[in-house]
Amino acid sequence: YREATRQGIHGLMNDLCHVVRDWGFAPEDIRCPVRIWHGRQYTQIPCACAESLARRIPNSRLTIDDHSGRMLMLRRWEDILAGCG
């Protein structure tokens, strides 16, 4: 948390607000295919959160990368984009 808030708490607070704020829809209502990616090394948000969301979204697929954390998108961008086509 020290490094995450070194330049202030605004980014962290923004993330937290999106997590707890009403999204305006229920994940169960999503009808298109959804890929969810999560890094096991991302300790601020446990894998259980991604697993719970994947269970709620019909036709979702969860990938947990054991070697990535918050920067999973940069580490696995080719794999992530390959699943978009």
PDB file of N, CA and C in Angstrom:
ATOM      1  N   TYR A   1       0.822  -1.199   0.000  1.00  0.00           N
ATOM      2  CA  TYR A   1       0.000   0.000   0.000  1.00  0.00           C
ATOM      3  C   TYR A   1       0.861   1.256   0.000  1.00  0.00           C
ATOM      4  N   ARG A   2       2.019   1.157   0.599  1.00  0.00           N
ATOM      5  CA  ARG A   2       2.894   2.330   0.631  1.00  0.00           C
ATOM      6  C   ARG A   2       3.229   2.794  -0.779  1.00  0.00           C
ATOM      7  N   GLU A   3       3.625   1.844  -1.646  1.00  0.00           N
ATOM      8  CA  GLU A   3       3.973   2.215  -3.011  1.00  0.00           C
ATOM      9  C   GLU A   3       2.737   2.653  -3.787  1.00  0.00           C
ATOM     10  N   ALA A   4       1.608   1.974  -3.567  1.00  0.00           N
ATOM     11  CA  ALA A   4       0.379   2.304  -4.290  1.00  0.00           C
ATOM     12  C   ALA A   4      -0.115   3.702  -3.953  1.00  0.00           C
ATOM     13  N   THR A   5       0.195   4.186  -2.768  1.00  0.00           N
ATOM     14  CA  THR A   5      -0.292   5.499  -2.339  1.00  0.00           C
ATOM     15  C   THR A   5       0.826   6.542  -2.248  1.00  0.00           C
ATOM     16  N   ARG A   6       1.978   6.226  -2.775  1.00  0.00           N
ATOM     17  CA  ARG A   6       3.119   7.143  -2.687  1.00  0.00           C
ATOM     18  C   ARG A   6       2.804   8.510  -3.278  1.00  0.00           C
ATOM     19  N   GLN A   7       2.015   8.550  -4.354  1.00  0.00           N
ATOM     20  CA  GLN A   7       1.678   9.822  -4.995  1.00  0.00           C
ATOM     21  C   GLN A   7       0.289  10.302  -4.589  1.00  0.00           C
ATOM     22  N   GLY A   8      -0.275   9.710  -3.558  1.00  0.00           N
ATOM     23  CA  GLY A   8      -1.601  10.098  -3.095  1.00  0.00           C
ATOM     24  C   GLY A   8      -2.549   8.910  -3.123  1.00  0.00           C
ATOM     25  N   ILE A   9      -3.707   9.102  -2.512  1.00  0.00           N
ATOM     26  CA  ILE A   9      -4.647   7.990  -2.384  1.00  0.00           C
ATOM     27  C   ILE A   9      -5.756   8.022  -3.426  1.00  0.00           C
ATOM     28  N   HIS A  10      -5.711   8.965  -4.359  1.00  0.00           N
ATOM     29  CA  HIS A  10      -6.813   9.117  -5.311  1.00  0.00           C
ATOM     30  C   HIS A  10      -7.040   7.873  -6.178  1.00  0.00           C
ATOM     31  N   GLY A  11      -5.987   7.264  -6.694  1.00  0.00           N
ATOM     32  CA  GLY A  11      -6.136   6.073  -7.525  1.00  0.00           C
ATOM     33  C   GLY A  11      -6.721   4.909  -6.751  1.00  0.00           C
ATOM     34  N   LEU A  12      -6.221   4.708  -5.543  1.00  0.00           N
ATOM     35  CA  LEU A  12      -6.733   3.636  -4.689  1.00  0.00           C
ATOM     36  C   LEU A  12      -8.197   3.867  -4.340  1.00  0.00           C
ATOM     37  N   MET A  13      -8.539   5.079  -4.011  1.00  0.00           N
ATOM     38  CA  MET A  13      -9.924   5.397  -3.665  1.00  0.00           C
ATOM     39  C   MET A  13     -10.847   5.201  -4.873  1.00  0.00           C
ATOM     40  N   ASN A  14     -10.378   5.571  -6.055  1.00  0.00           N
ATOM     41  CA  ASN A  14     -11.167   5.381  -7.267  1.00  0.00           C
ATOM     42  C   ASN A  14     -11.444   3.894  -7.486  1.00  0.00           C
ATOM     43  N   ASP A  15     -10.415   3.068  -7.346  1.00  0.00           N
ATOM     44  CA  ASP A  15     -10.606   1.617  -7.484  1.00  0.00           C
ATOM     45  C   ASP A  15     -11.633   1.105  -6.480  1.00  0.00           C
ATOM     46  N   LEU A  16     -11.490   1.498  -5.235  1.00  0.00           N
ATOM     47  CA  LEU A  16     -12.394   1.018  -4.192  1.00  0.00           C
ATOM     48  C   LEU A  16     -13.834   1.466  -4.435  1.00  0.00           C
ATOM     49  N   CYS A  17     -14.015   2.667  -4.915  1.00  0.00           N
ATOM     50  CA  CYS A  17     -15.370   3.159  -5.194  1.00  0.00           C
ATOM     51  C   CYS A  17     -16.047   2.325  -6.278  1.00  0.00           C
ATOM     52  N   HIS A  18     -15.295   1.914  -7.283  1.00  0.00           N
ATOM     53  CA  HIS A  18     -15.880   1.097  -8.350  1.00  0.00           C
ATOM     54  C   HIS A  18     -16.236  -0.301  -7.862  1.00  0.00           C
ATOM     55  N   VAL A  19     -15.516  -0.784  -6.885  1.00  0.00           N
ATOM     56  CA  VAL A  19     -15.795  -2.114  -6.355  1.00  0.00           C
ATOM     57  C   VAL A  19     -17.081  -2.119  -5.536  1.00  0.00           C
ATOM     58  N   VAL A  20     -17.291  -1.100  -4.729  1.00  0.00           N
ATOM     59  CA  VAL A  20     -18.436  -1.107  -3.813  1.00  0.00           C
ATOM     60  C   VAL A  20     -19.671  -0.385  -4.348  1.00  0.00           C
ATOM     61  N   ARG A  21     -19.525   0.405  -5.377  1.00  0.00           N
ATOM     62  CA  ARG A  21     -20.645   1.150  -5.943  1.00  0.00           C
ATOM     63  C   ARG A  21     -21.557   0.223  -6.744  1.00  0.00           C
ATOM     64  N   ASP A  22     -22.845   0.509  -6.748  1.00  0.00           N
ATOM     65  CA  ASP A  22     -23.794  -0.240  -7.559  1.00  0.00           C
ATOM     66  C   ASP A  22     -23.415  -0.073  -9.020  1.00  0.00           C
ATOM     67  N   TRP A  23     -23.334  -1.166  -9.751  1.00  0.00           N
ATOM     68  CA  TRP A  23     -22.923  -1.122 -11.146  1.00  0.00           C
ATOM     69  C   TRP A  23     -24.073  -0.761 -12.064  1.00  0.00           C
ATOM     70  N   GLY A  24     -25.295  -0.763 -11.577  1.00  0.00           N
ATOM     71  CA  GLY A  24     -26.444  -0.437 -12.405  1.00  0.00           C
ATOM     72  C   GLY A  24     -26.998  -1.633 -13.177  1.00  0.00           C
ATOM     73  N   PHE A  25     -26.444  -2.799 -12.949  1.00  0.00           N
ATOM     74  CA  PHE A  25     -26.929  -4.032 -13.570  1.00  0.00           C
ATOM     75  C   PHE A  25     -26.456  -5.204 -12.704  1.00  0.00           C
ATOM     76  N   ALA A  26     -27.076  -6.328 -12.887  1.00  0.00           N
ATOM     77  CA  ALA A  26     -26.672  -7.533 -12.172  1.00  0.00           C
ATOM     78  C   ALA A  26     -25.768  -8.365 -13.069  1.00  0.00           C
ATOM     79  N   PRO A  27     -24.652  -8.855 -12.578  1.00  0.00           N
ATOM     80  CA  PRO A  27     -23.791  -9.706 -13.398  1.00  0.00           C
ATOM     81  C   PRO A  27     -24.539 -10.890 -14.016  1.00  0.00           C
ATOM     82  N   GLU A  28     -25.549 -11.379 -13.334  1.00  0.00           N
ATOM     83  CA  GLU A  28     -26.343 -12.499 -13.844  1.00  0.00           C
ATOM     84  C   GLU A  28     -27.096 -12.151 -15.127  1.00  0.00           C
ATOM     85  N   ASP A  29     -27.288 -10.864 -15.381  1.00  0.00           N
ATOM     86  CA  ASP A  29     -28.021 -10.414 -16.566  1.00  0.00           C
ATOM     87  C   ASP A  29     -27.145 -10.296 -17.819  1.00  0.00           C
ATOM     88  N   ILE A  30     -25.842 -10.452 -17.687  1.00  0.00           N
ATOM     89  CA  ILE A  30     -24.944 -10.352 -18.834  1.00  0.00           C
ATOM     90  C   ILE A  30     -25.144 -11.577 -19.718  1.00  0.00           C
ATOM     91  N   ARG A  31     -25.373 -11.364 -20.991  1.00  0.00           N
ATOM     92  CA  ARG A  31     -25.669 -12.470 -21.910  1.00  0.00           C
ATOM     93  C   ARG A  31     -24.556 -12.753 -22.915  1.00  0.00           C
ATOM     94  N   CYS A  32     -23.618 -11.843 -23.091  1.00  0.00           N
ATOM     95  CA  CYS A  32     -22.537 -12.093 -24.040  1.00  0.00           C
ATOM     96  C   CYS A  32     -21.408 -12.872 -23.341  1.00  0.00           C
ATOM     97  N   PRO A  33     -20.579 -13.557 -24.105  1.00  0.00           N
ATOM     98  CA  PRO A  33     -19.438 -14.258 -23.496  1.00  0.00           C
ATOM     99  C   PRO A  33     -18.496 -13.267 -22.812  1.00  0.00           C
ATOM    100  N   VAL A  34     -17.987 -13.650 -21.665  1.00  0.00           N
ATOM    101  CA  VAL A  34     -17.108 -12.775 -20.883  1.00  0.00           C
ATOM    102  C   VAL A  34     -15.867 -13.566 -20.475  1.00  0.00           C
ATOM    103  N   ARG A  35     -14.700 -12.959 -20.701  1.00  0.00           N
ATOM    104  CA  ARG A  35     -13.444 -13.533 -20.205  1.00  0.00           C
ATOM    105  C   ARG A  35     -13.014 -12.708 -19.018  1.00  0.00           C
ATOM    106  N   ILE A  36     -12.702 -13.367 -17.929  1.00  0.00           N
ATOM    107  CA  ILE A  36     -12.219 -12.710 -16.720  1.00  0.00           C
ATOM    108  C   ILE A  36     -10.802 -13.201 -16.474  1.00  0.00           C
ATOM    109  N   TRP A  37      -9.889 -12.269 -16.301  1.00  0.00           N
ATOM    110  CA  TRP A  37      -8.493 -12.593 -16.007  1.00  0.00           C
ATOM    111  C   TRP A  37      -8.160 -12.038 -14.625  1.00  0.00           C
ATOM    112  N   HIS A  38      -7.390 -12.803 -13.873  1.00  0.00           N
ATOM    113  CA  HIS A  38      -6.967 -12.339 -12.549  1.00  0.00           C
ATOM    114  C   HIS A  38      -5.593 -12.911 -12.250  1.00  0.00           C
ATOM    115  N   GLY A  39      -4.754 -12.112 -11.624  1.00  0.00           N
ATOM    116  CA  GLY A  39      -3.422 -12.568 -11.222  1.00  0.00           C
ATOM    117  C   GLY A  39      -3.412 -12.981  -9.757  1.00  0.00           C
ATOM    118  N   ARG A  40      -2.945 -14.197  -9.509  1.00  0.00           N
ATOM    119  CA  ARG A  40      -2.912 -14.702  -8.131  1.00  0.00           C
ATOM    120  C   ARG A  40      -2.015 -13.841  -7.237  1.00  0.00           C
ATOM    121  N   GLN A  41      -1.016 -13.183  -7.813  1.00  0.00           N
ATOM    122  CA  GLN A  41      -0.097 -12.359  -7.032  1.00  0.00           C
ATOM    123  C   GLN A  41      -0.677 -10.979  -6.693  1.00  0.00           C
ATOM    124  N   TYR A  42      -1.870 -10.682  -7.190  1.00  0.00           N
ATOM    125  CA  TYR A  42      -2.541  -9.409  -6.883  1.00  0.00           C
ATOM    126  C   TYR A  42      -3.198  -9.581  -5.520  1.00  0.00           C
ATOM    127  N   THR A  43      -2.494  -9.203  -4.496  1.00  0.00           N
ATOM    128  CA  THR A  43      -2.927  -9.508  -3.129  1.00  0.00           C
ATOM    129  C   THR A  43      -4.013  -8.575  -2.599  1.00  0.00           C
ATOM    130  N   GLN A  44      -4.222  -7.418  -3.211  1.00  0.00           N
ATOM    131  CA  GLN A  44      -5.257  -6.508  -2.719  1.00  0.00           C
ATOM    132  C   GLN A  44      -6.654  -7.047  -3.010  1.00  0.00           C
ATOM    133  N   ILE A  45      -6.803  -7.778  -4.088  1.00  0.00           N
ATOM    134  CA  ILE A  45      -8.092  -8.380  -4.425  1.00  0.00           C
ATOM    135  C   ILE A  45      -7.853  -9.878  -4.598  1.00  0.00           C
ATOM    136  N   PRO A  46      -8.382 -10.693  -3.696  1.00  0.00           N
ATOM    137  CA  PRO A  46      -8.122 -12.129  -3.767  1.00  0.00           C
ATOM    138  C   PRO A  46      -8.810 -12.799  -4.951  1.00  0.00           C
ATOM    139  N   CYS A  47      -8.281 -13.934  -5.344  1.00  0.00           N
ATOM    140  CA  CYS A  47      -8.846 -14.704  -6.459  1.00  0.00           C
ATOM    141  C   CYS A  47     -10.301 -15.062  -6.193  1.00  0.00           C
ATOM    142  N   ALA A  48     -10.676 -15.192  -4.949  1.00  0.00           N
ATOM    143  CA  ALA A  48     -12.063 -15.533  -4.608  1.00  0.00           C
ATOM    144  C   ALA A  48     -13.043 -14.508  -5.171  1.00  0.00           C
ATOM    145  N   CYS A  49     -12.634 -13.248  -5.283  1.00  0.00           N
ATOM    146  CA  CYS A  49     -13.518 -12.222  -5.860  1.00  0.00           C
ATOM    147  C   CYS A  49     -13.753 -12.493  -7.336  1.00  0.00           C
ATOM    148  N   ALA A  50     -12.702 -12.816  -8.073  1.00  0.00           N
ATOM    149  CA  ALA A  50     -12.843 -13.126  -9.499  1.00  0.00           C
ATOM    150  C   ALA A  50     -13.641 -14.413  -9.679  1.00  0.00           C
ATOM    151  N   GLU A  51     -13.409 -15.389  -8.829  1.00  0.00           N
ATOM    152  CA  GLU A  51     -14.143 -16.655  -8.911  1.00  0.00           C
ATOM    153  C   GLU A  51     -15.628 -16.441  -8.657  1.00  0.00           C
ATOM    154  N   SER A  52     -15.950 -15.610  -7.677  1.00  0.00           N
ATOM    155  CA  SER A  52     -17.344 -15.308  -7.372  1.00  0.00           C
ATOM    156  C   SER A  52     -18.021 -14.603  -8.542  1.00  0.00           C
ATOM    157  N   LEU A  53     -17.332 -13.628  -9.137  1.00  0.00           N
ATOM    158  CA  LEU A  53     -17.896 -12.910 -10.274  1.00  0.00           C
ATOM    159  C   LEU A  53     -18.106 -13.860 -11.454  1.00  0.00           C
ATOM    160  N   ALA A  54     -17.148 -14.735 -11.705  1.00  0.00           N
ATOM    161  CA  ALA A  54     -17.272 -15.685 -12.814  1.00  0.00           C
ATOM    162  C   ALA A  54     -18.464 -16.626 -12.612  1.00  0.00           C
ATOM    163  N   ARG A  55     -18.712 -17.012 -11.380  1.00  0.00           N
ATOM    164  CA  ARG A  55     -19.871 -17.878 -11.099  1.00  0.00           C
ATOM    165  C   ARG A  55     -21.184 -17.148 -11.364  1.00  0.00           C
ATOM    166  N   ARG A  56     -21.199 -15.843 -11.178  1.00  0.00           N
ATOM    167  CA  ARG A  56     -22.428 -15.065 -11.343  1.00  0.00           C
ATOM    168  C   ARG A  56     -22.732 -14.727 -12.797  1.00  0.00           C
ATOM    169  N   ILE A  57     -21.714 -14.659 -13.643  1.00  0.00           N
ATOM    170  CA  ILE A  57     -21.913 -14.261 -15.033  1.00  0.00           C
ATOM    171  C   ILE A  57     -22.076 -15.515 -15.893  1.00  0.00           C
ATOM    172  N   PRO A  58     -23.259 -15.688 -16.491  1.00  0.00           N
ATOM    173  CA  PRO A  58     -23.431 -16.835 -17.389  1.00  0.00           C
ATOM    174  C   PRO A  58     -22.457 -16.730 -18.567  1.00  0.00           C
ATOM    175  N   ASN A  59     -21.990 -17.854 -19.034  1.00  0.00           N
ATOM    176  CA  ASN A  59     -21.112 -17.895 -20.201  1.00  0.00           C
ATOM    177  C   ASN A  59     -19.820 -17.109 -19.983  1.00  0.00           C
ATOM    178  N   SER A  60     -19.296 -17.154 -18.761  1.00  0.00           N
ATOM    179  CA  SER A  60     -18.014 -16.503 -18.489  1.00  0.00           C
ATOM    180  C   SER A  60     -16.920 -17.557 -18.369  1.00  0.00           C
ATOM    181  N   ARG A  61     -15.710 -17.122 -18.614  1.00  0.00           N
ATOM    182  CA  ARG A  61     -14.553 -18.002 -18.486  1.00  0.00           C
ATOM    183  C   ARG A  61     -13.490 -17.270 -17.699  1.00  0.00           C
ATOM    184  N   LEU A  62     -13.030 -17.888 -16.623  1.00  0.00           N
ATOM    185  CA  LEU A  62     -12.041 -17.287 -15.729  1.00  0.00           C
ATOM    186  C   LEU A  62     -10.672 -17.903 -15.977  1.00  0.00           C
ATOM    187  N   THR A  63      -9.673 -17.040 -16.106  1.00  0.00           N
ATOM    188  CA  THR A  63      -8.287 -17.476 -16.169  1.00  0.00           C
ATOM    189  C   THR A  63      -7.549 -16.824 -15.011  1.00  0.00           C
ATOM    190  N   ILE A  64      -6.930 -17.647 -14.177  1.00  0.00           N
ATOM    191  CA  ILE A  64      -6.104 -17.132 -13.082  1.00  0.00           C
ATOM    192  C   ILE A  64      -4.656 -17.429 -13.417  1.00  0.00           C
ATOM    193  N   ASP A  65      -3.875 -16.373 -13.499  1.00  0.00           N
ATOM    194  CA  ASP A  65      -2.448 -16.498 -13.803  1.00  0.00           C
ATOM    195  C   ASP A  65      -1.685 -16.525 -12.478  1.00  0.00           C
ATOM    196  N   ASP A  66      -1.058 -17.641 -12.194  1.00  0.00           N
ATOM    197  CA  ASP A  66      -0.344 -17.809 -10.924  1.00  0.00           C
ATOM    198  C   ASP A  66       0.861 -16.888 -10.780  1.00  0.00           C
ATOM    199  N   HIS A  67       1.382 -16.373 -11.888  1.00  0.00           N
ATOM    200  CA  HIS A  67       2.625 -15.612 -11.854  1.00  0.00           C
ATOM    201  C   HIS A  67       2.433 -14.112 -12.035  1.00  0.00           C
ATOM    202  N   SER A  68       1.207 -13.649 -12.137  1.00  0.00           N
ATOM    203  CA  SER A  68       0.948 -12.221 -12.363  1.00  0.00           C
ATOM    204  C   SER A  68       0.222 -11.604 -11.181  1.00  0.00           C
ATOM    205  N   GLY A  69       0.352 -10.302 -11.102  1.00  0.00           N
ATOM    206  CA  GLY A  69      -0.358  -9.525 -10.101  1.00  0.00           C
ATOM    207  C   GLY A  69      -1.189  -8.461 -10.790  1.00  0.00           C
ATOM    208  N   ARG A  70      -1.126  -7.257 -10.264  1.00  0.00           N
ATOM    209  CA  ARG A  70      -1.930  -6.161 -10.793  1.00  0.00           C
ATOM    210  C   ARG A  70      -1.610  -5.844 -12.257  1.00  0.00           C
ATOM    211  N   MET A  71      -0.395  -6.128 -12.674  1.00  0.00           N
ATOM    212  CA  MET A  71       0.031  -5.798 -14.031  1.00  0.00           C
ATOM    213  C   MET A  71      -0.172  -6.959 -14.998  1.00  0.00           C
ATOM    214  N   LEU A  72      -1.080  -7.861 -14.697  1.00  0.00           N
ATOM    215  CA  LEU A  72      -1.369  -9.008 -15.541  1.00  0.00           C
ATOM    216  C   LEU A  72      -1.623  -8.592 -16.983  1.00  0.00           C
ATOM    217  N   MET A  73      -2.330  -7.503 -17.170  1.00  0.00           N
ATOM    218  CA  MET A  73      -2.678  -7.052 -18.516  1.00  0.00           C
ATOM    219  C   MET A  73      -1.421  -6.808 -19.357  1.00  0.00           C
ATOM    220  N   LEU A  74      -0.385  -6.268 -18.760  1.00  0.00           N
ATOM    221  CA  LEU A  74       0.849  -6.021 -19.502  1.00  0.00           C
ATOM    222  C   LEU A  74       1.622  -7.303 -19.759  1.00  0.00           C
ATOM    223  N   ARG A  75       1.551  -8.226 -18.809  1.00  0.00           N
ATOM    224  CA  ARG A  75       2.271  -9.492 -18.923  1.00  0.00           C
ATOM    225  C   ARG A  75       1.621 -10.444 -19.928  1.00  0.00           C
ATOM    226  N   ARG A  76       0.295 -10.445 -19.998  1.00  0.00           N
ATOM    227  CA  ARG A  76      -0.431 -11.437 -20.795  1.00  0.00           C
ATOM    228  C   ARG A  76      -1.272 -10.816 -21.904  1.00  0.00           C
ATOM    229  N   TRP A  77      -0.947  -9.614 -22.356  1.00  0.00           N
ATOM    230  CA  TRP A  77      -1.802  -8.895 -23.305  1.00  0.00           C
ATOM    231  C   TRP A  77      -2.051  -9.678 -24.582  1.00  0.00           C
ATOM    232  N   GLU A  78      -1.057 -10.421 -25.071  1.00  0.00           N
ATOM    233  CA  GLU A  78      -1.266 -11.177 -26.312  1.00  0.00           C
ATOM    234  C   GLU A  78      -2.318 -12.270 -26.113  1.00  0.00           C
ATOM    235  N   ASP A  79      -2.258 -12.965 -24.985  1.00  0.00           N
ATOM    236  CA  ASP A  79      -3.248 -14.002 -24.681  1.00  0.00           C
ATOM    237  C   ASP A  79      -4.638 -13.405 -24.497  1.00  0.00           C
ATOM    238  N   ILE A  80      -4.684 -12.255 -23.818  1.00  0.00           N
ATOM    239  CA  ILE A  80      -5.967 -11.601 -23.574  1.00  0.00           C
ATOM    240  C   ILE A  80      -6.600 -11.179 -24.898  1.00  0.00           C
ATOM    241  N   LEU A  81      -5.831 -10.536 -25.750  1.00  0.00           N
ATOM    242  CA  LEU A  81      -6.371 -10.082 -27.039  1.00  0.00           C
ATOM    243  C   LEU A  81      -6.685 -11.255 -27.967  1.00  0.00           C
ATOM    244  N   ALA A  82      -5.953 -12.330 -27.863  1.00  0.00           N
ATOM    245  CA  ALA A  82      -6.225 -13.503 -28.711  1.00  0.00           C
ATOM    246  C   ALA A  82      -7.616 -14.066 -28.433  1.00  0.00           C
ATOM    247  N   GLY A  83      -8.099 -13.912 -27.213  1.00  0.00           N
ATOM    248  CA  GLY A  83      -9.418 -14.398 -26.862  1.00  0.00           C
ATOM    249  C   GLY A  83     -10.536 -13.471 -27.282  1.00  0.00           C
ATOM    250  N   CYS A  84     -10.214 -12.322 -27.871  1.00  0.00           N
ATOM    251  CA  CYS A  84     -11.234 -11.349 -28.251  1.00  0.00           C
ATOM    252  C   CYS A  84     -11.756 -11.534 -29.671  1.00  0.00           C
ATOM    253  N   GLY A  85     -11.133 -12.400 -30.433  1.00  0.00           N
ATOM    254  CA  GLY A  85     -11.490 -12.502 -31.835  1.00  0.00           C
ATOM    255  C   GLY A  85     -12.444 -13.546 -32.188  1.00  0.00           C
TER     256      GLY A  85
END
